[in-house]
Amino acid sequence: MDARFRTEEGRLKLRVTGIIIHNNKILLETYEDGVYCFPGGTINLNETSEEAIIRELKEEIDKDFVIDSLVSICEEFYKSNKDEKTHCINFYYKMNFKDENDINSIDLDRLEDDHDYMIQHHYKWIDLKDLKSVNLVPKKIRDEIIKDNINIHHIIKDV
């Protein structure tokens, strides 16, 4: 069960996000509206954020990863696509492929079966030097990556 809680005032959810960088390129998910984001998902109840990021990347990318480091904890406040106030606490991890050979066999247009709900993912490797021109959310994390300042942060930010 996902760690999401609803009240009359909105919802709270706990998420994990993977930052995957290889050969000065970063793996991002793309959307039709031109927005980019990192792969990841919701933490399950009774699951650590470390367990969750490894599980989520396996589900979404179908490859095994290992954690390099926790790089940020970001509190994000926004309205969902259903116009619902959302407070999201997101753990950002820098990740590495468990097997370096997996880098060349990623399905960049992968269909994920998420508990009988089919999700079409579209991934793209973006050159780090081009990251500033990408509409990556949240922008604060993008800016930290551009500055090569990926150190532990606790960010409280409206996205």
C-alpha atoms as a PDB file:
ATOM      1  CA  MET A   1       0.000   0.000   0.000  1.00  0.00           C
ATOM      2  CA  ASP A   2       1.345   3.387  -1.024  1.00  0.00           C
ATOM      3  CA  ALA A   3       2.253   5.887   1.690  1.00  0.00           C
ATOM      4  CA  ARG A   4      -0.383   8.465   0.725  1.00  0.00           C
ATOM      5  CA  PHE A   5      -2.801  10.067   3.114  1.00  0.00           C
ATOM      6  CA  ARG A   6      -5.837  12.187   2.305  1.00  0.00           C
ATOM      7  CA  THR A   7      -7.566  14.742   4.479  1.00  0.00           C
ATOM      8  CA  GLU A   8     -10.210  17.364   3.762  1.00  0.00           C
ATOM      9  CA  GLU A   9      -7.384  19.855   3.171  1.00  0.00           C
ATOM     10  CA  GLY A  10      -5.457  17.770   0.638  1.00  0.00           C
ATOM     11  CA  ARG A  11      -3.046  14.889   0.573  1.00  0.00           C
ATOM     12  CA  LEU A  12       0.387  13.932   1.825  1.00  0.00           C
ATOM     13  CA  LYS A  13       2.552  11.478  -0.043  1.00  0.00           C
ATOM     14  CA  LEU A  14       6.011  10.044   0.437  1.00  0.00           C
ATOM     15  CA  ARG A  15       8.076   9.538  -2.719  1.00  0.00           C
ATOM     16  CA  VAL A  16      11.502   8.440  -3.860  1.00  0.00           C
ATOM     17  CA  THR A  17      13.361   9.665  -6.919  1.00  0.00           C
ATOM     18  CA  GLY A  18      16.429   8.302  -8.694  1.00  0.00           C
ATOM     19  CA  ILE A  19      19.115  10.516 -10.211  1.00  0.00           C
ATOM     20  CA  ILE A  20      20.950   8.386 -12.774  1.00  0.00           C
ATOM     21  CA  ILE A  21      24.003   9.968 -14.420  1.00  0.00           C
ATOM     22  CA  HIS A  22      26.317   8.165 -16.844  1.00  0.00           C
ATOM     23  CA  ASN A  23      28.946   9.613 -19.206  1.00  0.00           C
ATOM     24  CA  ASN A  24      27.806  13.192 -18.459  1.00  0.00           C
ATOM     25  CA  LYS A  25      24.200  12.343 -19.353  1.00  0.00           C
ATOM     26  CA  ILE A  26      21.209  12.092 -17.060  1.00  0.00           C
ATOM     27  CA  LEU A  27      18.243   9.762 -17.505  1.00  0.00           C
ATOM     28  CA  LEU A  28      14.904  11.612 -17.416  1.00  0.00           C
ATOM     29  CA  GLU A  29      11.301  10.736 -18.120  1.00  0.00           C
ATOM     30  CA  THR A  30       9.561  12.911 -20.712  1.00  0.00           C
ATOM     31  CA  TYR A  31       5.901  13.896 -20.960  1.00  0.00           C
ATOM     32  CA  GLU A  32       3.761  15.181 -23.832  1.00  0.00           C
ATOM     33  CA  ASP A  33       3.511  18.647 -22.258  1.00  0.00           C
ATOM     34  CA  GLY A  34       7.305  19.103 -22.468  1.00  0.00           C
ATOM     35  CA  VAL A  35       7.933  18.476 -18.768  1.00  0.00           C
ATOM     36  CA  TYR A  36      10.780  16.211 -17.699  1.00  0.00           C
ATOM     37  CA  CYS A  37      11.151  14.458 -14.363  1.00  0.00           C
ATOM     38  CA  PHE A  38      13.281  11.831 -12.684  1.00  0.00           C
ATOM     39  CA  PRO A  39      12.152   8.210 -12.450  1.00  0.00           C
ATOM     40  CA  GLY A  40      10.716   7.143  -9.107  1.00  0.00           C
ATOM     41  CA  GLY A  41       7.502   6.594  -7.247  1.00  0.00           C
ATOM     42  CA  THR A  42       5.652   6.254  -3.988  1.00  0.00           C
ATOM     43  CA  ILE A  43       7.052   4.610  -0.881  1.00  0.00           C
ATOM     44  CA  ASN A  44       4.963   1.719   0.435  1.00  0.00           C
ATOM     45  CA  LEU A  45       3.926   1.571   4.075  1.00  0.00           C
ATOM     46  CA  ASN A  46       6.560  -0.280   6.165  1.00  0.00           C
ATOM     47  CA  GLU A  47       9.151   0.188   3.397  1.00  0.00           C
ATOM     48  CA  THR A  48      12.291   2.294   3.797  1.00  0.00           C
ATOM     49  CA  SER A  49      13.029   4.967   1.225  1.00  0.00           C
ATOM     50  CA  GLU A  50      16.123   2.952   0.217  1.00  0.00           C
ATOM     51  CA  GLU A  51      14.036  -0.174  -0.417  1.00  0.00           C
ATOM     52  CA  ALA A  52      11.487   1.916  -2.288  1.00  0.00           C
ATOM     53  CA  ILE A  53      13.914   3.531  -4.756  1.00  0.00           C
ATOM     54  CA  ILE A  54      15.449   0.177  -5.675  1.00  0.00           C
ATOM     55  CA  ARG A  55      11.960  -1.339  -6.152  1.00  0.00           C
ATOM     56  CA  GLU A  56      10.592   1.636  -8.097  1.00  0.00           C
ATOM     57  CA  LEU A  57      13.525   1.712 -10.541  1.00  0.00           C
ATOM     58  CA  LYS A  58      13.213  -2.048 -11.066  1.00  0.00           C
ATOM     59  CA  GLU A  59       9.493  -1.626 -11.814  1.00  0.00           C
ATOM     60  CA  GLU A  60       9.886   1.399 -14.088  1.00  0.00           C
ATOM     61  CA  ILE A  61      13.165   0.678 -15.898  1.00  0.00           C
ATOM     62  CA  ASP A  62      13.357  -3.109 -15.404  1.00  0.00           C
ATOM     63  CA  LYS A  63      17.020  -2.952 -14.325  1.00  0.00           C
ATOM     64  CA  ASP A  64      18.727  -3.419 -10.981  1.00  0.00           C
ATOM     65  CA  PHE A  65      20.304  -0.403  -9.294  1.00  0.00           C
ATOM     66  CA  VAL A  66      22.418   0.313  -6.236  1.00  0.00           C
ATOM     67  CA  ILE A  67      22.327   3.464  -4.159  1.00  0.00           C
ATOM     68  CA  ASP A  68      25.309   5.789  -4.400  1.00  0.00           C
ATOM     69  CA  SER A  69      23.998   8.342  -1.886  1.00  0.00           C
ATOM     70  CA  LEU A  70      21.008  10.252  -0.585  1.00  0.00           C
ATOM     71  CA  VAL A  71      21.359  13.708  -2.130  1.00  0.00           C
ATOM     72  CA  SER A  72      18.242  15.602  -1.137  1.00  0.00           C
ATOM     73  CA  ILE A  73      15.033  15.548   0.830  1.00  0.00           C
ATOM     74  CA  CYS A  74      12.604  17.902  -0.828  1.00  0.00           C
ATOM     75  CA  GLU A  75       9.221  19.034   0.478  1.00  0.00           C
ATOM     76  CA  GLU A  76       7.115  19.926  -2.530  1.00  0.00           C
ATOM     77  CA  PHE A  77       3.797  21.768  -2.421  1.00  0.00           C
ATOM     78  CA  TYR A  78       1.600  21.770  -5.528  1.00  0.00           C
ATOM     79  CA  LYS A  79      -1.851  21.103  -6.917  1.00  0.00           C
ATOM     80  CA  SER A  80      -2.314  17.695  -8.513  1.00  0.00           C
ATOM     81  CA  ASN A  81      -3.811  17.200 -11.958  1.00  0.00           C
ATOM     82  CA  LYS A  82      -7.119  16.764 -10.074  1.00  0.00           C
ATOM     83  CA  ASP A  83      -6.622  20.235  -8.514  1.00  0.00           C
ATOM     84  CA  GLU A  84      -5.931  18.683  -5.109  1.00  0.00           C
ATOM     85  CA  LYS A  85      -3.520  20.404  -2.696  1.00  0.00           C
ATOM     86  CA  THR A  86      -0.540  18.086  -2.293  1.00  0.00           C
ATOM     87  CA  HIS A  87       2.342  18.025   0.173  1.00  0.00           C
ATOM     88  CA  CYS A  88       4.966  15.591  -1.104  1.00  0.00           C
ATOM     89  CA  ILE A  89       8.081  14.591   0.811  1.00  0.00           C
ATOM     90  CA  ASN A  90      10.547  13.282  -1.771  1.00  0.00           C
ATOM     91  CA  PHE A  91      13.837  11.479  -1.106  1.00  0.00           C
ATOM     92  CA  TYR A  92      16.307  11.969  -3.976  1.00  0.00           C
ATOM     93  CA  TYR A  93      18.974   9.294  -4.400  1.00  0.00           C
ATOM     94  CA  LYS A  94      21.930   9.235  -6.754  1.00  0.00           C
ATOM     95  CA  MET A  95      21.810   5.750  -8.278  1.00  0.00           C
ATOM     96  CA  ASN A  96      24.149   3.470 -10.211  1.00  0.00           C
ATOM     97  CA  PHE A  97      23.404   0.464 -12.370  1.00  0.00           C
ATOM     98  CA  LYS A  98      24.160  -2.771 -10.528  1.00  0.00           C
ATOM     99  CA  ASP A  99      25.488  -4.160 -13.816  1.00  0.00           C
ATOM    100  CA  GLU A 100      27.192  -1.519 -15.996  1.00  0.00           C
ATOM    101  CA  ASN A 101      26.222  -3.517 -19.114  1.00  0.00           C
ATOM    102  CA  ASP A 102      22.555  -2.709 -18.442  1.00  0.00           C
ATOM    103  CA  ILE A 103      23.160   0.886 -19.534  1.00  0.00           C
ATOM    104  CA  ASN A 104      23.063  -0.136 -23.196  1.00  0.00           C
ATOM    105  CA  SER A 105      19.897  -2.225 -22.938  1.00  0.00           C
ATOM    106  CA  ILE A 106      17.399   0.183 -21.371  1.00  0.00           C
ATOM    107  CA  ASP A 107      13.997   0.202 -23.040  1.00  0.00           C
ATOM    108  CA  LEU A 108      13.476   3.963 -23.350  1.00  0.00           C
ATOM    109  CA  ASP A 109       9.777   3.438 -24.198  1.00  0.00           C
ATOM    110  CA  ARG A 110       8.798   0.895 -21.580  1.00  0.00           C
ATOM    111  CA  LEU A 111       5.284  -0.206 -20.684  1.00  0.00           C
ATOM    112  CA  GLU A 112       5.018  -0.876 -16.942  1.00  0.00           C
ATOM    113  CA  ASP A 113       2.320  -3.029 -15.369  1.00  0.00           C
ATOM    114  CA  ASP A 114       1.729  -1.273 -12.027  1.00  0.00           C
ATOM    115  CA  HIS A 115      -0.756  -3.546 -10.252  1.00  0.00           C
ATOM    116  CA  ASP A 116      -2.848  -4.029 -13.434  1.00  0.00           C
ATOM    117  CA  TYR A 117      -2.571  -0.319 -14.287  1.00  0.00           C
ATOM    118  CA  MET A 118      -0.509   0.098 -17.453  1.00  0.00           C
ATOM    119  CA  ILE A 119       1.916   3.050 -17.498  1.00  0.00           C
ATOM    120  CA  GLN A 120       3.793   4.065 -20.639  1.00  0.00           C
ATOM    121  CA  HIS A 121       7.193   5.514 -19.766  1.00  0.00           C
ATOM    122  CA  HIS A 122       9.302   7.578 -22.183  1.00  0.00           C
ATOM    123  CA  TYR A 123      12.899   8.034 -21.067  1.00  0.00           C
ATOM    124  CA  LYS A 124      15.646  10.094 -22.621  1.00  0.00           C
ATOM    125  CA  TRP A 125      19.344  10.581 -21.897  1.00  0.00           C
ATOM    126  CA  ILE A 126      19.977  14.342 -21.634  1.00  0.00           C
ATOM    127  CA  ASP A 127      23.474  15.794 -21.824  1.00  0.00           C
ATOM    128  CA  LEU A 128      24.262  17.571 -18.555  1.00  0.00           C
ATOM    129  CA  LYS A 129      25.417  20.655 -20.480  1.00  0.00           C
ATOM    130  CA  ASP A 130      21.892  20.907 -21.970  1.00  0.00           C
ATOM    131  CA  LEU A 131      20.061  20.419 -18.675  1.00  0.00           C
ATOM    132  CA  LYS A 132      19.381  24.129 -18.152  1.00  0.00           C
ATOM    133  CA  SER A 133      17.246  24.235 -21.313  1.00  0.00           C
ATOM    134  CA  VAL A 134      15.068  21.327 -20.160  1.00  0.00           C
ATOM    135  CA  ASN A 135      11.794  21.913 -18.284  1.00  0.00           C
ATOM    136  CA  LEU A 136      12.794  19.604 -15.420  1.00  0.00           C
ATOM    137  CA  VAL A 137      10.740  19.671 -12.235  1.00  0.00           C
ATOM    138  CA  PRO A 138      11.486  20.519  -9.567  1.00  0.00           C
ATOM    139  CA  LYS A 139      13.782  23.229 -10.882  1.00  0.00           C
ATOM    140  CA  LYS A 140      15.733  23.499  -7.605  1.00  0.00           C
ATOM    141  CA  ILE A 141      17.142  19.977  -8.026  1.00  0.00           C
ATOM    142  CA  ARG A 142      17.998  20.718 -11.667  1.00  0.00           C
ATOM    143  CA  ASP A 143      19.888  23.832 -10.596  1.00  0.00           C
ATOM    144  CA  GLU A 144      21.850  21.879  -7.964  1.00  0.00           C
ATOM    145  CA  ILE A 145      22.838  19.263 -10.557  1.00  0.00           C
ATOM    146  CA  ILE A 146      23.949  21.980 -13.000  1.00  0.00           C
ATOM    147  CA  LYS A 147      26.088  23.566 -10.272  1.00  0.00           C
ATOM    148  CA  ASP A 148      27.484  20.082  -9.522  1.00  0.00           C
ATOM    149  CA  ASN A 149      26.370  20.719  -5.970  1.00  0.00           C
ATOM    150  CA  ILE A 150      24.629  17.450  -5.217  1.00  0.00           C
ATOM    151  CA  ASN A 151      25.038  17.324  -1.466  1.00  0.00           C
ATOM    152  CA  ILE A 152      22.438  16.537   1.138  1.00  0.00           C
ATOM    153  CA  HIS A 153      19.829  19.275   1.211  1.00  0.00           C
ATOM    154  CA  HIS A 154      16.507  19.712   2.931  1.00  0.00           C
ATOM    155  CA  ILE A 155      14.533  21.860   0.526  1.00  0.00           C
ATOM    156  CA  ILE A 156      11.098  23.284   1.255  1.00  0.00           C
ATOM    157  CA  LYS A 157       9.718  24.581  -2.021  1.00  0.00           C
ATOM    158  CA  ASP A 158       6.564  25.163  -3.989  1.00  0.00           C
ATOM    159  CA  VAL A 159       6.974  23.529  -7.413  1.00  0.00           C
END
